Amino acid sequence: MPAKSKTQQKAAGAALAAKRGETSKSSLQGASREMFETMSERQLEEFAGTSRKGKPEHVDE
């Protein structure tokens, strides 16, 4: 499932970095912390690998 916004893609990238041990878990906030705790590394790779081109900054739910 691809990310629907730039913000979602960035949060997934931060969570993925923490999951891989590249950054500390304590540096995560908000959505990225929740993604870290609830998503697998593969799911995070799919979200983080989404191109930002043509995506809105935020999506209203």
N, C-alpha and C. Protein backbone atom coordinates (compact mmCIF):
# COMPACT_ATOMS: atom_id res chain seq x y z
N MET A 1 0.84 -1.18 0.00
CA MET A 1 0.00 0.00 0.00
C MET A 1 0.89 1.24 0.00
N PRO A 2 0.78 2.07 -0.98
CA PRO A 2 1.61 3.27 -1.04
C PRO A 2 1.10 4.37 -0.09
N ALA A 3 2.00 5.26 0.27
CA ALA A 3 1.63 6.41 1.10
C ALA A 3 0.72 7.33 0.30
N LYS A 4 -0.21 7.98 1.00
CA LYS A 4 -1.16 8.86 0.33
C LYS A 4 -0.74 10.32 0.37
N SER A 5 0.26 10.65 1.21
CA SER A 5 0.72 12.04 1.29
C SER A 5 2.22 12.07 1.57
N LYS A 6 2.80 13.25 1.37
CA LYS A 6 4.23 13.42 1.63
C LYS A 6 4.54 13.21 3.10
N THR A 7 3.66 13.70 3.96
CA THR A 7 3.87 13.58 5.40
C THR A 7 3.85 12.12 5.83
N GLN A 8 2.94 11.34 5.29
CA GLN A 8 2.86 9.93 5.62
C GLN A 8 4.12 9.20 5.15
N GLN A 9 4.62 9.56 4.00
CA GLN A 9 5.82 8.93 3.46
C GLN A 9 7.04 9.26 4.33
N LYS A 10 7.14 10.50 4.76
CA LYS A 10 8.25 10.92 5.60
C LYS A 10 8.21 10.22 6.97
N ALA A 11 7.01 10.10 7.55
CA ALA A 11 6.86 9.43 8.84
C ALA A 11 7.25 7.96 8.73
N ALA A 12 6.88 7.33 7.63
CA ALA A 12 7.25 5.93 7.41
C ALA A 12 8.76 5.79 7.28
N GLY A 13 9.40 6.72 6.62
CA GLY A 13 10.86 6.70 6.49
C GLY A 13 11.56 6.82 7.83
N ALA A 14 11.05 7.69 8.69
CA ALA A 14 11.63 7.85 10.02
C ALA A 14 11.44 6.58 10.85
N ALA A 15 10.25 5.98 10.77
CA ALA A 15 9.98 4.75 11.51
C ALA A 15 10.84 3.61 11.00
N LEU A 16 11.03 3.55 9.70
CA LEU A 16 11.87 2.50 9.10
C LEU A 16 13.32 2.64 9.56
N ALA A 17 13.82 3.85 9.62
CA ALA A 17 15.19 4.08 10.08
C ALA A 17 15.36 3.61 11.53
N ALA A 18 14.37 3.87 12.35
CA ALA A 18 14.42 3.43 13.75
C ALA A 18 14.31 1.91 13.84
N LYS A 19 13.48 1.33 13.01
CA LYS A 19 13.31 -0.12 13.00
C LYS A 19 14.61 -0.82 12.62
N ARG A 20 15.38 -0.19 11.73
CA ARG A 20 16.66 -0.76 11.28
C ARG A 20 17.81 -0.41 12.22
N GLY A 21 17.55 0.42 13.23
CA GLY A 21 18.58 0.79 14.19
C GLY A 21 19.45 1.95 13.74
N GLU A 22 19.06 2.63 12.68
CA GLU A 22 19.84 3.77 12.18
C GLU A 22 19.61 5.02 13.01
N THR A 23 18.45 5.12 13.64
CA THR A 23 18.13 6.22 14.56
C THR A 23 17.50 5.61 15.80
N SER A 24 17.40 6.39 16.87
CA SER A 24 16.83 5.85 18.10
C SER A 24 15.31 5.95 18.09
N LYS A 25 14.68 5.00 18.77
CA LYS A 25 13.22 4.98 18.87
C LYS A 25 12.73 6.22 19.62
N SER A 26 13.51 6.69 20.57
CA SER A 26 13.11 7.84 21.37
C SER A 26 13.03 9.13 20.55
N SER A 27 13.64 9.15 19.38
CA SER A 27 13.58 10.35 18.53
C SER A 27 12.28 10.43 17.74
N LEU A 28 11.50 9.35 17.73
CA LEU A 28 10.24 9.33 16.97
C LEU A 28 9.13 10.05 17.73
N GLN A 29 8.24 10.70 16.97
CA GLN A 29 7.10 11.39 17.56
C GLN A 29 5.86 11.13 16.72
N GLY A 30 4.72 11.16 17.34
CA GLY A 30 3.44 11.10 16.64
C GLY A 30 3.26 9.88 15.76
N ALA A 31 2.95 10.13 14.49
CA ALA A 31 2.62 9.06 13.55
C ALA A 31 3.79 8.11 13.33
N SER A 32 5.01 8.64 13.30
CA SER A 32 6.15 7.77 13.05
C SER A 32 6.35 6.79 14.20
N ARG A 33 6.09 7.21 15.43
CA ARG A 33 6.20 6.31 16.58
C ARG A 33 5.13 5.22 16.50
N GLU A 34 3.92 5.61 16.14
CA GLU A 34 2.83 4.64 16.02
C GLU A 34 3.13 3.65 14.90
N MET A 35 3.65 4.14 13.78
CA MET A 35 4.02 3.25 12.67
C MET A 35 5.11 2.27 13.10
N PHE A 36 6.10 2.75 13.85
CA PHE A 36 7.18 1.92 14.33
C PHE A 36 6.64 0.74 15.14
N GLU A 37 5.66 1.03 16.00
CA GLU A 37 5.12 0.01 16.90
C GLU A 37 4.14 -0.94 16.24
N THR A 38 3.47 -0.52 15.18
CA THR A 38 2.39 -1.34 14.63
C THR A 38 2.67 -1.97 13.26
N MET A 39 3.70 -1.50 12.56
CA MET A 39 3.94 -1.98 11.20
C MET A 39 5.23 -2.79 11.11
N SER A 40 5.24 -3.73 10.18
CA SER A 40 6.45 -4.52 9.95
C SER A 40 7.43 -3.71 9.11
N GLU A 41 8.67 -4.18 9.06
CA GLU A 41 9.69 -3.49 8.27
C GLU A 41 9.30 -3.47 6.79
N ARG A 42 8.71 -4.54 6.32
CA ARG A 42 8.30 -4.61 4.91
C ARG A 42 7.21 -3.58 4.60
N GLN A 43 6.23 -3.46 5.49
CA GLN A 43 5.17 -2.47 5.29
C GLN A 43 5.75 -1.06 5.28
N LEU A 44 6.68 -0.81 6.18
CA LEU A 44 7.31 0.51 6.24
C LEU A 44 8.10 0.79 4.97
N GLU A 45 8.77 -0.23 4.42
CA GLU A 45 9.52 -0.06 3.17
C GLU A 45 8.59 0.35 2.04
N GLU A 46 7.39 -0.25 1.99
CA GLU A 46 6.43 0.08 0.94
C GLU A 46 5.97 1.54 1.06
N PHE A 47 5.67 1.97 2.29
CA PHE A 47 5.24 3.35 2.49
C PHE A 47 6.36 4.32 2.22
N ALA A 48 7.55 4.05 2.75
CA ALA A 48 8.67 4.96 2.61
C ALA A 48 9.18 5.02 1.18
N GLY A 49 9.00 3.96 0.42
CA GLY A 49 9.49 3.92 -0.95
C GLY A 49 8.58 4.59 -1.96
N THR A 50 7.45 5.10 -1.51
CA THR A 50 6.51 5.79 -2.39
C THR A 50 7.10 7.11 -2.87
N SER A 51 6.97 7.38 -4.14
CA SER A 51 7.45 8.65 -4.68
C SER A 51 6.62 9.80 -4.13
N ARG A 52 7.27 10.91 -3.81
CA ARG A 52 6.56 12.09 -3.30
C ARG A 52 5.99 12.94 -4.41
N LYS A 53 6.43 12.73 -5.64
CA LYS A 53 6.00 13.56 -6.75
C LYS A 53 4.49 13.44 -6.95
N GLY A 54 3.82 14.57 -6.96
CA GLY A 54 2.38 14.61 -7.20
C GLY A 54 1.54 14.32 -5.97
N LYS A 55 2.17 14.09 -4.82
CA LYS A 55 1.42 13.81 -3.60
C LYS A 55 1.13 15.11 -2.87
N PRO A 56 -0.04 15.21 -2.24
CA PRO A 56 -0.31 16.39 -1.42
C PRO A 56 0.50 16.33 -0.13
N GLU A 57 0.70 17.47 0.50
CA GLU A 57 1.45 17.50 1.76
C GLU A 57 0.70 16.74 2.85
N HIS A 58 -0.62 16.96 2.94
CA HIS A 58 -1.47 16.29 3.93
C HIS A 58 -2.74 15.81 3.24
N VAL A 59 -3.36 14.78 3.81
CA VAL A 59 -4.63 14.28 3.29
C VAL A 59 -5.65 14.34 4.42
N ASP A 60 -6.81 14.95 4.17
CA ASP A 60 -7.87 14.97 5.17
C ASP A 60 -8.58 13.64 5.13
N GLU A 61 -8.83 13.11 6.33
CA GLU A 61 -9.49 11.79 6.39
C GLU A 61 -10.98 11.91 6.38
